N, C-alpha and C. Protein backbone atom coordinates (compact mmCIF):
# COMPACT_ATOMS: atom_id res chain seq x y z
N MET A 1 -2.85 26.63 -10.17
CA MET A 1 -3.26 25.71 -9.14
C MET A 1 -2.13 24.70 -8.93
N GLU A 2 -1.77 24.49 -7.69
CA GLU A 2 -0.71 23.54 -7.34
C GLU A 2 -1.31 22.36 -6.58
N ILE A 3 -0.82 21.14 -6.91
CA ILE A 3 -1.27 19.95 -6.21
C ILE A 3 -0.07 19.08 -5.87
N LEU A 4 -0.24 18.20 -4.91
CA LEU A 4 0.77 17.21 -4.54
C LEU A 4 0.35 15.86 -5.06
N ILE A 5 1.27 15.16 -5.74
CA ILE A 5 1.01 13.82 -6.22
C ILE A 5 2.13 12.91 -5.73
N ASP A 6 1.97 11.60 -5.87
CA ASP A 6 3.02 10.68 -5.47
C ASP A 6 4.29 10.97 -6.25
N ARG A 7 5.41 10.64 -5.65
CA ARG A 7 6.72 10.94 -6.25
C ARG A 7 6.84 10.32 -7.63
N LEU A 8 7.40 11.10 -8.59
CA LEU A 8 7.47 10.68 -9.98
C LEU A 8 8.80 10.06 -10.36
N ASP A 9 9.87 10.24 -9.61
CA ASP A 9 11.21 9.73 -9.92
C ASP A 9 11.71 10.22 -11.27
N GLY A 10 11.46 11.47 -11.60
CA GLY A 10 11.98 12.05 -12.84
C GLY A 10 11.20 11.68 -14.09
N LYS A 11 10.06 11.05 -13.96
CA LYS A 11 9.25 10.68 -15.11
C LYS A 11 8.53 11.92 -15.64
N ALA A 12 8.20 11.91 -16.92
CA ALA A 12 7.45 13.00 -17.51
C ALA A 12 5.99 12.91 -17.07
N VAL A 13 5.38 14.06 -16.87
CA VAL A 13 3.99 14.11 -16.44
C VAL A 13 3.10 14.25 -17.67
N VAL A 14 2.30 13.21 -17.93
CA VAL A 14 1.35 13.23 -19.04
C VAL A 14 -0.02 12.86 -18.47
N PRO A 15 -0.81 13.87 -18.10
CA PRO A 15 -2.11 13.56 -17.48
C PRO A 15 -3.13 13.11 -18.52
N GLU A 16 -4.00 12.19 -18.11
CA GLU A 16 -5.10 11.74 -18.94
C GLU A 16 -6.36 12.45 -18.45
N VAL A 17 -7.07 13.08 -19.36
CA VAL A 17 -8.27 13.83 -19.02
C VAL A 17 -9.47 12.91 -19.18
N LEU A 18 -10.20 12.69 -18.09
CA LEU A 18 -11.37 11.82 -18.11
C LEU A 18 -12.66 12.59 -18.34
N MET A 19 -12.72 13.84 -17.85
CA MET A 19 -13.94 14.63 -17.97
C MET A 19 -13.58 16.10 -17.93
N ILE A 20 -14.32 16.92 -18.66
CA ILE A 20 -14.12 18.37 -18.61
C ILE A 20 -15.50 19.02 -18.66
N SER A 21 -15.65 20.11 -17.92
CA SER A 21 -16.93 20.81 -17.92
C SER A 21 -16.67 22.31 -18.00
N ASP A 22 -17.60 23.01 -18.63
CA ASP A 22 -17.57 24.47 -18.64
C ASP A 22 -18.97 24.95 -18.25
N GLU A 23 -19.26 26.20 -18.51
CA GLU A 23 -20.55 26.75 -18.07
C GLU A 23 -21.74 26.10 -18.76
N ASN A 24 -21.53 25.61 -20.00
CA ASN A 24 -22.67 25.14 -20.79
C ASN A 24 -22.78 23.63 -20.89
N ALA A 25 -21.65 22.92 -20.92
CA ALA A 25 -21.72 21.50 -21.23
C ALA A 25 -20.69 20.71 -20.43
N VAL A 26 -20.92 19.41 -20.38
CA VAL A 26 -20.01 18.47 -19.74
C VAL A 26 -19.62 17.43 -20.78
N LYS A 27 -18.31 17.21 -20.94
CA LYS A 27 -17.82 16.20 -21.87
C LYS A 27 -17.17 15.09 -21.08
N VAL A 28 -17.60 13.85 -21.33
CA VAL A 28 -17.06 12.69 -20.63
C VAL A 28 -16.40 11.79 -21.66
N GLY A 29 -15.18 11.34 -21.36
CA GLY A 29 -14.45 10.48 -22.28
C GLY A 29 -14.81 9.03 -22.10
N THR A 30 -14.41 8.23 -23.09
CA THR A 30 -14.65 6.78 -23.01
C THR A 30 -13.36 6.03 -23.29
N PRO A 31 -12.43 5.86 -22.44
CA PRO A 31 -12.33 6.36 -21.07
C PRO A 31 -11.66 7.72 -20.96
N VAL A 32 -10.91 8.20 -22.01
CA VAL A 32 -10.24 9.49 -21.90
C VAL A 32 -10.65 10.38 -23.07
N LEU A 33 -10.46 11.70 -22.87
CA LEU A 33 -10.67 12.67 -23.93
C LEU A 33 -9.33 12.90 -24.63
N ASP A 34 -9.27 12.62 -25.94
CA ASP A 34 -8.01 12.70 -26.66
C ASP A 34 -7.64 14.12 -27.07
N LYS A 35 -8.61 14.98 -27.34
CA LYS A 35 -8.32 16.31 -27.88
C LYS A 35 -8.01 17.34 -26.80
N VAL A 36 -8.16 17.00 -25.54
CA VAL A 36 -7.94 17.95 -24.44
C VAL A 36 -6.51 17.79 -23.92
N LYS A 37 -5.79 18.89 -23.81
CA LYS A 37 -4.41 18.89 -23.32
C LYS A 37 -4.31 19.79 -22.09
N ILE A 38 -3.42 19.40 -21.17
CA ILE A 38 -3.19 20.17 -19.95
C ILE A 38 -1.70 20.49 -19.86
N ASN A 39 -1.38 21.76 -19.62
CA ASN A 39 0.01 22.14 -19.40
C ASN A 39 0.37 21.91 -17.94
N VAL A 40 1.40 21.08 -17.70
CA VAL A 40 1.80 20.71 -16.35
C VAL A 40 3.27 21.05 -16.17
N LYS A 41 3.58 21.67 -15.03
CA LYS A 41 4.97 22.04 -14.72
C LYS A 41 5.34 21.44 -13.37
N VAL A 42 6.46 20.71 -13.31
CA VAL A 42 6.93 20.11 -12.06
C VAL A 42 7.71 21.17 -11.30
N LEU A 43 7.29 21.45 -10.05
CA LEU A 43 7.93 22.47 -9.24
C LEU A 43 9.01 21.92 -8.31
N GLY A 44 8.90 20.66 -7.93
CA GLY A 44 9.91 20.08 -7.05
C GLY A 44 9.34 18.94 -6.23
N GLU A 45 10.21 18.39 -5.38
CA GLU A 45 9.81 17.28 -4.52
C GLU A 45 9.85 17.73 -3.06
N GLU A 46 9.02 17.09 -2.24
CA GLU A 46 9.01 17.40 -0.81
C GLU A 46 8.51 16.19 -0.04
N LYS A 47 8.74 16.23 1.27
CA LYS A 47 8.31 15.16 2.15
C LYS A 47 6.96 15.51 2.77
N GLY A 48 6.17 14.49 3.01
CA GLY A 48 4.89 14.67 3.67
C GLY A 48 5.03 14.51 5.17
N ASP A 49 3.92 14.51 5.86
CA ASP A 49 3.91 14.32 7.30
C ASP A 49 4.20 12.86 7.63
N LYS A 50 4.88 12.63 8.74
CA LYS A 50 5.23 11.28 9.14
C LYS A 50 3.99 10.55 9.64
N VAL A 51 3.86 9.30 9.22
CA VAL A 51 2.75 8.44 9.63
C VAL A 51 3.32 7.42 10.61
N ASN A 52 2.76 7.36 11.82
CA ASN A 52 3.20 6.41 12.82
C ASN A 52 2.22 5.24 12.89
N VAL A 53 2.77 4.03 12.87
CA VAL A 53 1.97 2.80 12.95
C VAL A 53 2.39 2.08 14.22
N ARG A 54 1.41 1.68 15.02
CA ARG A 54 1.70 0.97 16.26
C ARG A 54 0.91 -0.32 16.31
N LYS A 55 1.56 -1.38 16.78
CA LYS A 55 0.91 -2.68 16.95
C LYS A 55 0.92 -3.02 18.44
N PHE A 56 -0.14 -3.65 18.88
CA PHE A 56 -0.26 -4.00 20.29
C PHE A 56 -1.09 -5.27 20.41
N ARG A 57 -0.61 -6.21 21.21
CA ARG A 57 -1.38 -7.41 21.52
C ARG A 57 -1.54 -7.49 23.03
N ALA A 58 -2.75 -7.63 23.46
CA ALA A 58 -3.05 -7.63 24.88
C ALA A 58 -2.50 -8.88 25.57
N LYS A 59 -2.05 -8.71 26.79
CA LYS A 59 -1.63 -9.79 27.70
C LYS A 59 -0.41 -10.56 27.22
N SER A 60 0.34 -10.03 26.27
CA SER A 60 1.52 -10.77 25.80
C SER A 60 2.78 -9.90 25.77
N ARG A 61 2.70 -8.66 26.25
CA ARG A 61 3.81 -7.72 26.26
C ARG A 61 4.39 -7.47 24.87
N TYR A 62 3.53 -7.45 23.86
CA TYR A 62 3.96 -7.24 22.49
C TYR A 62 3.58 -5.82 22.07
N ARG A 63 4.60 -5.03 21.73
CA ARG A 63 4.39 -3.66 21.26
C ARG A 63 5.41 -3.37 20.16
N ARG A 64 4.96 -2.82 19.04
CA ARG A 64 5.85 -2.45 17.95
C ARG A 64 5.47 -1.07 17.45
N ARG A 65 6.48 -0.32 17.05
CA ARG A 65 6.27 1.02 16.51
C ARG A 65 7.05 1.13 15.21
N MET A 66 6.40 1.64 14.17
CA MET A 66 7.04 1.82 12.88
C MET A 66 6.56 3.15 12.30
N GLY A 67 7.45 3.86 11.62
CA GLY A 67 7.10 5.13 11.01
C GLY A 67 7.35 5.11 9.51
N PHE A 68 6.65 6.00 8.81
CA PHE A 68 6.78 6.10 7.37
C PHE A 68 6.58 7.55 6.96
N THR A 69 7.46 8.06 6.09
CA THR A 69 7.36 9.42 5.58
C THR A 69 7.18 9.35 4.06
N PRO A 70 6.01 9.73 3.54
CA PRO A 70 5.80 9.67 2.09
C PRO A 70 6.52 10.79 1.36
N LEU A 71 6.90 10.56 0.11
CA LEU A 71 7.54 11.55 -0.73
C LEU A 71 6.55 11.98 -1.81
N TYR A 72 6.46 13.29 -2.02
CA TYR A 72 5.52 13.86 -2.98
C TYR A 72 6.26 14.70 -4.00
N THR A 73 5.61 14.91 -5.14
CA THR A 73 6.07 15.84 -6.17
C THR A 73 5.03 16.94 -6.27
N ARG A 74 5.46 18.20 -6.18
CA ARG A 74 4.56 19.34 -6.31
C ARG A 74 4.46 19.71 -7.79
N VAL A 75 3.22 19.78 -8.29
CA VAL A 75 2.96 20.01 -9.71
C VAL A 75 2.05 21.22 -9.85
N GLN A 76 2.35 22.07 -10.84
CA GLN A 76 1.50 23.23 -11.12
C GLN A 76 0.69 22.93 -12.38
N ILE A 77 -0.63 23.09 -12.27
CA ILE A 77 -1.53 22.88 -13.40
C ILE A 77 -1.71 24.20 -14.11
N GLY A 78 -1.42 24.20 -15.41
CA GLY A 78 -1.52 25.43 -16.20
C GLY A 78 -2.81 25.48 -16.99
N LYS A 79 -2.69 25.91 -18.22
CA LYS A 79 -3.83 26.12 -19.10
C LYS A 79 -4.38 24.78 -19.61
N ILE A 80 -5.70 24.67 -19.66
CA ILE A 80 -6.37 23.49 -20.20
C ILE A 80 -6.93 23.87 -21.57
N THR A 81 -6.48 23.15 -22.60
CA THR A 81 -6.94 23.48 -23.96
C THR A 81 -7.66 22.31 -24.57
């Protein structure tokens, strides 16, 4: 399974597991589960879709346009033990 998360800037990925469920039971941490580990592999970085922000004030000829492109890190979730 692959997911996109906010850019990591080369930091190591250490996920905290808050809850895990299987067919029979649900385990909830207080606040995290210490014995559960997740194998995570960083696949690379990519850009997201551009977000356009526009400001407008009526009757004053005020118009502004600003854009923003978020950066993401693609992560592959491996085995959960």
